[in-house]
Amino acid sequence: MTQRAILRIHFHHGGNEDLYHQLLTVLDGISPRWQPQPPTAADHDVTGALKYFDLLLGLCGCGVTLLEGASLGAGR
């Protein structure tokens, strides 16, 4: 069984619920594998896109921390 890579995304929307729902709609357009974490976050399953995250984050020299203590990005 493949371990899932879940990215928690925090939105800084100033309490605007309409904007929060628009941001969730954007996530749904990327992948149907996400779960809202109101009022300001969402968990997004990026397991199938890890190689793209490695490439993108390596190019910008930054990294992200995935849930469950896994890390991804430059210096990995």
Protein backbone atom coordinates (compact mmCIF):
# COMPACT_ATOMS: atom_id res chain seq x y z
CA MET A 1 0.00 0.00 0.00
CA THR A 2 1.35 3.43 -0.98
CA GLN A 3 1.71 6.01 1.79
CA ARG A 4 -0.36 9.10 1.01
CA ALA A 5 1.20 12.58 0.86
CA ILE A 6 -1.25 15.11 2.28
CA LEU A 7 -0.51 18.83 1.99
CA ARG A 8 -2.28 21.16 4.44
CA ILE A 9 -2.96 24.52 2.80
CA HIS A 10 -3.75 27.59 4.90
CA PHE A 11 -5.70 30.36 3.21
CA HIS A 12 -5.31 33.95 4.38
CA HIS A 13 -8.72 35.22 3.31
CA GLY A 14 -9.50 37.67 6.09
CA GLY A 15 -12.61 35.78 7.22
CA ASN A 16 -14.34 36.13 3.85
CA GLU A 17 -16.31 32.87 3.57
CA ASP A 18 -17.17 33.45 -0.09
CA LEU A 19 -13.47 33.71 -0.93
CA TYR A 20 -12.76 30.56 1.11
CA HIS A 21 -15.33 28.63 -0.95
CA GLN A 22 -13.83 30.00 -4.17
CA LEU A 23 -10.41 28.75 -3.06
CA LEU A 24 -11.87 25.31 -2.35
CA THR A 25 -13.34 25.33 -5.87
CA VAL A 26 -9.83 25.95 -7.23
CA LEU A 27 -8.58 22.91 -5.28
CA ASP A 28 -11.38 20.81 -6.74
CA GLY A 29 -10.22 21.85 -10.21
CA ILE A 30 -6.73 20.54 -9.46
CA SER A 31 -7.76 17.25 -7.88
CA PRO A 32 -10.93 15.81 -6.35
CA ARG A 33 -8.86 14.48 -3.43
CA TRP A 34 -9.14 17.25 -0.84
CA GLN A 35 -10.96 17.93 2.41
CA PRO A 36 -11.84 21.33 3.88
CA GLN A 37 -10.49 22.21 7.34
CA PRO A 38 -12.59 25.30 8.17
CA PRO A 39 -12.27 28.10 8.72
CA THR A 40 -8.92 28.71 6.98
CA ALA A 41 -7.38 25.48 5.70
CA ALA A 42 -7.79 22.42 3.49
CA ASP A 43 -5.94 19.12 3.19
CA HIS A 44 -4.97 18.18 -0.36
CA ASP A 45 -3.77 14.72 -1.45
CA VAL A 46 -0.70 15.36 -3.64
CA THR A 47 0.54 11.76 -3.72
CA GLY A 48 0.25 11.49 -7.50
CA ALA A 49 2.05 14.80 -8.05
CA LEU A 50 5.11 14.39 -5.80
CA LYS A 51 7.59 14.41 -8.69
CA TYR A 52 6.14 17.73 -9.91
CA PHE A 53 6.36 19.24 -6.41
CA ASP A 54 9.99 18.07 -6.17
CA LEU A 55 10.79 19.76 -9.49
CA LEU A 56 8.95 23.00 -8.69
CA LEU A 57 10.22 23.34 -5.13
CA GLY A 58 13.75 22.43 -6.14
CA LEU A 59 13.74 25.20 -8.74
CA CYS A 60 12.57 27.85 -6.28
CA GLY A 61 14.83 26.59 -3.47
CA CYS A 62 11.96 26.24 -1.00
CA GLY A 63 10.17 23.37 0.67
CA VAL A 64 6.93 22.39 2.33
CA THR A 65 6.08 20.09 5.20
CA LEU A 66 3.52 17.42 4.55
CA LEU A 67 1.27 15.99 7.26
CA GLU A 68 2.43 12.87 9.08
CA GLY A 69 5.92 14.38 9.43
CA ALA A 70 6.97 13.74 5.82
CA SER A 71 8.85 16.55 4.14
CA LEU A 72 9.22 17.51 0.51
CA GLY A 73 11.33 20.04 -1.31
CA ALA A 74 14.86 21.36 -1.49
CA GLY A 75 17.31 19.54 0.74
CA ARG A 76 15.26 16.37 0.75
